[in-house]
N, C-alpha and C. Protein backbone atom coordinates (compact mmCIF):
# COMPACT_ATOMS: atom_id res chain seq x y z
N UNK A 1 14.96 30.57 3.47
CA UNK A 1 14.58 31.06 2.17
C UNK A 1 13.16 31.59 2.22
N UNK A 2 12.98 32.79 1.77
CA UNK A 2 11.63 33.34 1.74
C UNK A 2 11.09 33.28 0.33
N UNK A 3 9.83 32.97 0.24
CA UNK A 3 9.16 32.92 -1.07
C UNK A 3 8.47 34.25 -1.26
N UNK A 4 8.89 35.01 -2.25
CA UNK A 4 8.25 36.29 -2.50
C UNK A 4 7.11 36.11 -3.49
N UNK A 5 6.05 36.84 -3.28
CA UNK A 5 4.89 36.78 -4.15
C UNK A 5 5.14 37.61 -5.40
N UNK A 6 4.90 37.06 -6.60
CA UNK A 6 5.10 37.83 -7.82
C UNK A 6 4.02 38.87 -8.00
N UNK A 7 4.37 39.95 -8.66
CA UNK A 7 3.39 40.98 -8.96
C UNK A 7 2.53 40.55 -10.13
N UNK A 8 1.32 41.10 -10.23
CA UNK A 8 0.38 40.69 -11.27
C UNK A 8 0.92 40.91 -12.68
N UNK A 9 1.65 42.00 -12.93
CA UNK A 9 2.16 42.29 -14.26
C UNK A 9 3.60 41.86 -14.44
N UNK A 10 4.15 41.16 -13.47
CA UNK A 10 5.57 40.78 -13.51
C UNK A 10 5.80 39.69 -14.54
N UNK A 11 7.07 39.61 -14.98
CA UNK A 11 7.44 38.56 -15.92
C UNK A 11 8.15 37.44 -15.16
N UNK A 12 8.24 36.29 -15.82
CA UNK A 12 8.87 35.13 -15.20
C UNK A 12 9.52 34.28 -16.28
N UNK A 13 10.61 33.60 -15.93
CA UNK A 13 11.28 32.70 -16.87
C UNK A 13 10.30 31.63 -17.34
N UNK A 14 10.40 31.26 -18.61
CA UNK A 14 9.48 30.25 -19.17
C UNK A 14 9.65 28.91 -18.46
N UNK A 15 10.88 28.46 -18.25
CA UNK A 15 11.09 27.15 -17.63
C UNK A 15 10.51 27.08 -16.23
N UNK A 16 10.66 28.16 -15.46
CA UNK A 16 10.10 28.18 -14.10
C UNK A 16 8.58 28.13 -14.15
N UNK A 17 8.00 28.92 -15.06
CA UNK A 17 6.54 28.98 -15.15
C UNK A 17 5.97 27.62 -15.54
N UNK A 18 6.59 26.94 -16.52
CA UNK A 18 6.11 25.62 -16.95
C UNK A 18 6.21 24.61 -15.82
N UNK A 19 7.23 24.73 -15.00
CA UNK A 19 7.39 23.85 -13.84
C UNK A 19 6.34 24.17 -12.78
N UNK A 20 6.16 25.45 -12.46
CA UNK A 20 5.17 25.85 -11.46
C UNK A 20 3.75 25.50 -11.90
N UNK A 21 3.47 25.58 -13.21
CA UNK A 21 2.12 25.29 -13.73
C UNK A 21 1.89 23.79 -13.90
N UNK A 22 2.89 22.98 -13.55
CA UNK A 22 2.80 21.52 -13.60
C UNK A 22 2.60 20.98 -15.02
N UNK A 23 3.18 21.68 -16.00
CA UNK A 23 3.15 21.19 -17.37
C UNK A 23 4.25 20.14 -17.53
N UNK A 24 5.39 20.35 -16.85
CA UNK A 24 6.50 19.40 -16.85
C UNK A 24 6.86 19.03 -15.42
N UNK A 25 7.42 17.84 -15.25
CA UNK A 25 7.77 17.35 -13.91
C UNK A 25 9.00 18.03 -13.32
N UNK A 26 9.84 18.59 -14.17
CA UNK A 26 11.04 19.26 -13.67
C UNK A 26 11.39 20.43 -14.58
N UNK A 27 12.20 21.34 -14.04
CA UNK A 27 12.66 22.46 -14.86
C UNK A 27 13.57 21.98 -15.97
N UNK A 28 14.32 20.91 -15.71
CA UNK A 28 15.21 20.37 -16.73
C UNK A 28 14.42 19.89 -17.94
N UNK A 29 13.32 19.17 -17.71
CA UNK A 29 12.48 18.73 -18.82
C UNK A 29 11.89 19.93 -19.57
N UNK A 30 11.47 20.94 -18.83
CA UNK A 30 10.93 22.14 -19.46
C UNK A 30 12.00 22.80 -20.32
N UNK A 31 13.22 22.88 -19.81
CA UNK A 31 14.32 23.50 -20.57
C UNK A 31 14.61 22.71 -21.85
N UNK A 32 14.58 21.39 -21.76
CA UNK A 32 14.83 20.57 -22.94
C UNK A 32 13.78 20.80 -24.02
N UNK A 33 12.51 20.90 -23.63
CA UNK A 33 11.45 21.17 -24.60
C UNK A 33 11.60 22.56 -25.22
N UNK A 34 11.99 23.52 -24.42
CA UNK A 34 12.14 24.89 -24.92
C UNK A 34 13.28 24.95 -25.93
N UNK A 35 14.43 24.39 -25.58
CA UNK A 35 15.61 24.44 -26.45
C UNK A 35 15.35 23.70 -27.76
N UNK A 36 14.56 22.63 -27.71
CA UNK A 36 14.28 21.86 -28.93
C UNK A 36 13.25 22.55 -29.83
N UNK A 37 12.67 23.64 -29.38
CA UNK A 37 11.74 24.40 -30.21
C UNK A 37 10.30 23.92 -30.14
N UNK A 38 9.97 23.12 -29.14
CA UNK A 38 8.61 22.61 -29.01
C UNK A 38 7.71 23.50 -28.17
N UNK A 39 8.21 24.67 -27.78
CA UNK A 39 7.42 25.64 -27.03
C UNK A 39 7.44 26.96 -27.80
N UNK A 40 6.25 27.47 -28.10
CA UNK A 40 6.14 28.75 -28.81
C UNK A 40 5.45 29.75 -27.90
N UNK A 41 5.96 30.98 -27.93
CA UNK A 41 5.36 32.07 -27.16
C UNK A 41 4.87 33.10 -28.16
N UNK A 42 3.57 33.33 -28.16
CA UNK A 42 2.94 34.27 -29.10
C UNK A 42 3.31 33.96 -30.55
N UNK A 43 3.36 32.67 -30.89
CA UNK A 43 3.60 32.24 -32.25
C UNK A 43 5.06 32.09 -32.65
N UNK A 44 5.99 32.50 -31.81
CA UNK A 44 7.42 32.39 -32.12
C UNK A 44 8.06 31.35 -31.21
N UNK A 45 8.92 30.52 -31.78
CA UNK A 45 9.61 29.49 -31.00
C UNK A 45 10.51 30.15 -29.96
N UNK A 46 10.36 29.73 -28.72
CA UNK A 46 11.22 30.22 -27.65
C UNK A 46 12.38 29.24 -27.53
N UNK A 47 13.58 29.68 -27.81
CA UNK A 47 14.75 28.80 -27.81
C UNK A 47 15.56 28.91 -26.53
N UNK A 48 15.25 29.88 -25.67
CA UNK A 48 16.02 30.03 -24.43
C UNK A 48 15.11 29.92 -23.22
N UNK A 49 15.46 29.04 -22.27
CA UNK A 49 14.65 28.90 -21.06
C UNK A 49 14.60 30.19 -20.23
N UNK A 50 15.55 31.09 -20.46
CA UNK A 50 15.59 32.32 -19.67
C UNK A 50 14.68 33.41 -20.22
N UNK A 51 14.03 33.16 -21.37
CA UNK A 51 13.10 34.16 -21.93
C UNK A 51 11.95 34.36 -20.95
N UNK A 52 11.41 35.56 -20.93
CA UNK A 52 10.37 35.89 -19.96
C UNK A 52 8.96 35.75 -20.53
N UNK A 53 8.05 35.37 -19.64
CA UNK A 53 6.62 35.31 -19.93
C UNK A 53 5.92 36.40 -19.15
N UNK A 54 4.86 36.92 -19.71
CA UNK A 54 4.04 37.91 -19.02
C UNK A 54 2.58 37.45 -19.08
N UNK A 55 1.76 37.90 -18.15
CA UNK A 55 0.35 37.57 -18.23
C UNK A 55 -0.23 38.01 -19.57
N UNK A 56 -1.02 37.14 -20.18
CA UNK A 56 -1.61 37.42 -21.48
C UNK A 56 -0.88 36.75 -22.63
N UNK A 57 0.34 36.26 -22.39
CA UNK A 57 1.09 35.56 -23.44
C UNK A 57 0.43 34.24 -23.78
N UNK A 58 0.50 33.87 -25.05
CA UNK A 58 -0.08 32.61 -25.52
C UNK A 58 1.05 31.60 -25.73
N UNK A 59 0.96 30.46 -25.06
CA UNK A 59 1.95 29.39 -25.17
C UNK A 59 1.38 28.25 -25.99
N UNK A 60 2.16 27.76 -26.94
CA UNK A 60 1.80 26.57 -27.70
C UNK A 60 2.88 25.54 -27.42
N UNK A 61 2.48 24.43 -26.81
CA UNK A 61 3.43 23.41 -26.38
C UNK A 61 3.11 22.11 -27.09
N UNK A 62 4.11 21.56 -27.78
CA UNK A 62 3.94 20.30 -28.49
C UNK A 62 4.48 19.19 -27.61
N UNK A 63 3.60 18.31 -27.14
CA UNK A 63 3.99 17.16 -26.34
C UNK A 63 3.93 15.91 -27.20
N UNK A 64 4.30 14.79 -26.63
CA UNK A 64 4.37 13.55 -27.38
C UNK A 64 3.02 13.15 -27.97
N UNK A 65 1.96 13.21 -27.17
CA UNK A 65 0.67 12.71 -27.63
C UNK A 65 -0.42 13.78 -27.75
N UNK A 66 -0.06 15.07 -27.55
CA UNK A 66 -1.07 16.12 -27.67
C UNK A 66 -0.40 17.48 -27.76
N UNK A 67 -1.17 18.45 -28.16
CA UNK A 67 -0.69 19.83 -28.22
C UNK A 67 -1.47 20.66 -27.21
N UNK A 68 -0.77 21.51 -26.48
CA UNK A 68 -1.41 22.38 -25.50
C UNK A 68 -1.36 23.82 -26.00
N UNK A 69 -2.45 24.54 -25.78
CA UNK A 69 -2.51 25.97 -26.05
C UNK A 69 -2.96 26.61 -24.74
N UNK A 70 -2.05 27.40 -24.13
CA UNK A 70 -2.32 27.99 -22.82
C UNK A 70 -2.15 29.50 -22.90
N UNK A 71 -3.01 30.21 -22.17
CA UNK A 71 -2.88 31.65 -22.01
C UNK A 71 -2.42 31.88 -20.57
N UNK A 72 -1.29 32.57 -20.42
CA UNK A 72 -0.73 32.82 -19.09
C UNK A 72 -1.60 33.83 -18.36
N UNK A 73 -2.07 33.47 -17.18
CA UNK A 73 -2.87 34.39 -16.37
C UNK A 73 -1.99 35.18 -15.41
N UNK A 74 -1.06 34.46 -14.75
CA UNK A 74 -0.18 35.11 -13.78
C UNK A 74 1.08 34.29 -13.58
N UNK A 75 2.15 34.92 -13.11
CA UNK A 75 3.36 34.16 -12.82
C UNK A 75 3.17 33.32 -11.55
N UNK A 76 3.95 32.27 -11.43
CA UNK A 76 3.86 31.42 -10.26
C UNK A 76 4.90 31.79 -9.23
N UNK A 77 4.64 31.40 -7.98
CA UNK A 77 5.61 31.67 -6.93
C UNK A 77 6.25 30.38 -6.42
N UNK A 78 5.56 29.25 -6.60
CA UNK A 78 6.09 27.95 -6.19
C UNK A 78 5.30 26.85 -6.89
N UNK A 79 5.79 25.64 -6.79
CA UNK A 79 5.09 24.50 -7.39
C UNK A 79 4.13 23.95 -6.36
N UNK A 80 2.88 24.28 -6.52
CA UNK A 80 1.86 23.85 -5.58
C UNK A 80 1.05 22.69 -6.14
N UNK A 81 -0.05 22.35 -5.48
CA UNK A 81 -0.91 21.28 -5.98
C UNK A 81 -1.56 21.67 -7.31
N UNK A 82 -2.09 20.67 -8.01
CA UNK A 82 -2.68 20.88 -9.33
C UNK A 82 -3.78 21.95 -9.30
N UNK A 83 -4.62 21.92 -8.30
CA UNK A 83 -5.73 22.89 -8.21
C UNK A 83 -5.19 24.32 -8.17
N UNK A 84 -4.08 24.52 -7.50
CA UNK A 84 -3.47 25.84 -7.42
C UNK A 84 -2.74 26.17 -8.73
N UNK A 85 -2.10 25.17 -9.33
CA UNK A 85 -1.32 25.38 -10.55
C UNK A 85 -2.21 25.75 -11.73
N UNK A 86 -3.41 25.17 -11.81
CA UNK A 86 -4.25 25.46 -12.98
C UNK A 86 -4.84 26.87 -12.95
N UNK A 87 -4.65 27.58 -11.85
CA UNK A 87 -5.07 28.99 -11.79
C UNK A 87 -4.07 29.90 -12.51
N UNK A 88 -2.89 29.37 -12.84
CA UNK A 88 -1.86 30.17 -13.50
C UNK A 88 -2.12 30.34 -15.00
N UNK A 89 -3.03 29.53 -15.56
CA UNK A 89 -3.25 29.58 -17.01
C UNK A 89 -4.69 29.29 -17.37
N UNK A 90 -5.03 29.66 -18.60
CA UNK A 90 -6.33 29.33 -19.19
C UNK A 90 -6.04 28.35 -20.32
N UNK A 91 -6.65 27.19 -20.25
CA UNK A 91 -6.39 26.13 -21.23
C UNK A 91 -7.31 26.30 -22.44
N UNK A 92 -6.71 26.51 -23.61
CA UNK A 92 -7.47 26.63 -24.86
C UNK A 92 -7.08 25.53 -25.83
N UNK A 93 -6.62 24.41 -25.29
CA UNK A 93 -6.16 23.30 -26.12
C UNK A 93 -7.33 22.68 -26.87
N UNK A 94 -7.09 22.26 -28.11
CA UNK A 94 -8.16 21.57 -28.85
C UNK A 94 -8.42 20.21 -28.22
N UNK A 95 -9.65 19.72 -28.33
CA UNK A 95 -9.94 18.40 -27.76
C UNK A 95 -9.14 17.33 -28.49
N UNK A 96 -8.78 16.27 -27.78
CA UNK A 96 -8.01 15.21 -28.44
C UNK A 96 -8.86 14.53 -29.52
N UNK A 97 -8.23 14.07 -30.60
CA UNK A 97 -9.00 13.40 -31.64
C UNK A 97 -9.54 12.07 -31.13
N UNK A 98 -10.67 11.62 -31.67
CA UNK A 98 -11.22 10.33 -31.21
C UNK A 98 -10.26 9.19 -31.55
N UNK A 99 -10.19 8.24 -30.64
CA UNK A 99 -9.29 7.11 -30.83
C UNK A 99 -10.02 5.98 -31.55
N UNK A 100 -9.36 5.36 -32.50
CA UNK A 100 -9.91 4.21 -33.19
C UNK A 100 -9.41 2.91 -32.60
N UNK A 101 -8.27 2.95 -31.96
CA UNK A 101 -7.69 1.73 -31.41
C UNK A 101 -7.83 1.71 -29.90
N UNK A 102 -7.80 0.53 -29.35
CA UNK A 102 -7.88 0.35 -27.91
C UNK A 102 -6.48 0.40 -27.31
N UNK A 103 -6.40 0.88 -26.07
CA UNK A 103 -5.13 0.86 -25.37
C UNK A 103 -4.81 -0.59 -24.98
N UNK A 104 -3.56 -0.91 -24.68
CA UNK A 104 -3.24 -2.28 -24.25
C UNK A 104 -4.05 -2.72 -23.04
N UNK A 105 -4.32 -1.81 -22.12
CA UNK A 105 -5.13 -2.17 -20.95
C UNK A 105 -6.56 -2.53 -21.37
N UNK A 106 -7.13 -1.73 -22.27
CA UNK A 106 -8.49 -2.02 -22.74
C UNK A 106 -8.55 -3.33 -23.51
N UNK A 107 -7.47 -3.65 -24.25
CA UNK A 107 -7.43 -4.92 -24.98
C UNK A 107 -7.38 -6.11 -24.03
N UNK A 108 -6.77 -5.92 -22.87
CA UNK A 108 -6.61 -7.02 -21.92
C UNK A 108 -7.89 -7.30 -21.13
N UNK A 109 -8.84 -6.39 -21.16
CA UNK A 109 -10.09 -6.58 -20.43
C UNK A 109 -10.94 -7.63 -21.12
N UNK A 110 -11.70 -8.38 -20.33
CA UNK A 110 -12.61 -9.35 -20.94
C UNK A 110 -14.03 -9.07 -20.48
N UNK A 111 -14.95 -9.40 -21.31
CA UNK A 111 -16.36 -9.23 -20.96
C UNK A 111 -16.75 -10.31 -19.98
N UNK A 112 -17.71 -10.03 -19.09
CA UNK A 112 -18.15 -11.06 -18.16
C UNK A 112 -18.66 -12.28 -18.93
N UNK A 113 -18.21 -13.46 -18.54
CA UNK A 113 -18.61 -14.69 -19.21
C UNK A 113 -17.69 -15.10 -20.33
N UNK A 114 -16.75 -14.27 -20.69
CA UNK A 114 -15.81 -14.59 -21.76
C UNK A 114 -14.48 -15.03 -21.15
N UNK A 115 -13.83 -15.99 -21.76
CA UNK A 115 -12.52 -16.42 -21.27
C UNK A 115 -12.64 -17.39 -20.10
N UNK A 116 -11.58 -17.50 -19.35
CA UNK A 116 -11.55 -18.42 -18.21
C UNK A 116 -12.50 -17.95 -17.12
N UNK A 117 -13.13 -18.86 -16.41
CA UNK A 117 -14.00 -18.45 -15.31
C UNK A 117 -13.17 -17.92 -14.13
N UNK A 118 -13.77 -17.01 -13.40
CA UNK A 118 -13.12 -16.51 -12.20
C UNK A 118 -13.27 -17.56 -11.10
N UNK A 119 -12.58 -17.34 -9.99
CA UNK A 119 -12.65 -18.29 -8.88
C UNK A 119 -14.10 -18.39 -8.38
N UNK A 120 -14.78 -17.27 -8.32
CA UNK A 120 -16.17 -17.25 -7.86
C UNK A 120 -17.06 -18.06 -8.81
N UNK A 121 -16.86 -17.83 -10.13
CA UNK A 121 -17.65 -18.57 -11.11
C UNK A 121 -17.35 -20.06 -11.05
N UNK A 122 -16.09 -20.43 -10.81
CA UNK A 122 -15.72 -21.84 -10.70
C UNK A 122 -16.41 -22.50 -9.51
N UNK A 123 -16.46 -21.82 -8.40
CA UNK A 123 -17.14 -22.36 -7.21
C UNK A 123 -18.63 -22.54 -7.47
N UNK A 124 -19.23 -21.57 -8.18
CA UNK A 124 -20.64 -21.69 -8.51
C UNK A 124 -20.88 -22.90 -9.42
N UNK A 125 -19.99 -23.12 -10.38
CA UNK A 125 -20.10 -24.29 -11.28
C UNK A 125 -19.95 -25.60 -10.49
N UNK A 126 -18.98 -25.62 -9.56
CA UNK A 126 -18.78 -26.82 -8.73
C UNK A 126 -20.02 -27.12 -7.91
N UNK A 127 -20.62 -26.09 -7.32
CA UNK A 127 -21.86 -26.31 -6.53
C UNK A 127 -22.97 -26.82 -7.40
N UNK A 128 -23.07 -26.28 -8.63
CA UNK A 128 -24.12 -26.71 -9.56
C UNK A 128 -23.91 -28.18 -9.95
N UNK A 129 -22.66 -28.56 -10.23
CA UNK A 129 -22.36 -29.93 -10.63
C UNK A 129 -22.57 -30.91 -9.48
N UNK A 130 -22.25 -30.48 -8.24
CA UNK A 130 -22.43 -31.35 -7.06
C UNK A 130 -23.91 -31.53 -6.74
N UNK A 131 -24.75 -30.55 -7.01
CA UNK A 131 -26.16 -30.65 -6.68
C UNK A 131 -26.91 -31.60 -7.64
N UNK A 132 -26.32 -31.89 -8.81
CA UNK A 132 -26.97 -32.78 -9.76
C UNK A 132 -26.79 -34.24 -9.36
N UNK A 133 -25.81 -34.58 -8.56
CA UNK A 133 -25.54 -35.99 -8.19
C UNK A 133 -26.58 -36.55 -7.29
């Protein structure tokens, strides 16, 4: 199989481009988002994964926890590493809103000296208690 390089002004299927740009992990996921109407091209909902994208098109993608606004720079030829994939688009997404709540991981963290002592702290306490005898 030979990989042909796309032309600068060439068009490409939306699902392939979203996969190549590493917006979705698979073309199937990209197709599901497109069919459900969560992907807009130039302000209009794209309902078919076979619709074409061209350089300069504006994509608005609604994800679970954020919205992406991307300008297509060029079509992709394959799914490469992230550094290569981010050259396919210009990200104009709004910054995420500030969070008021802590994530479960942040809630599980403890400040030094709070809660149960660590093994190191326990050994230090044992040495301190033994030196008083």
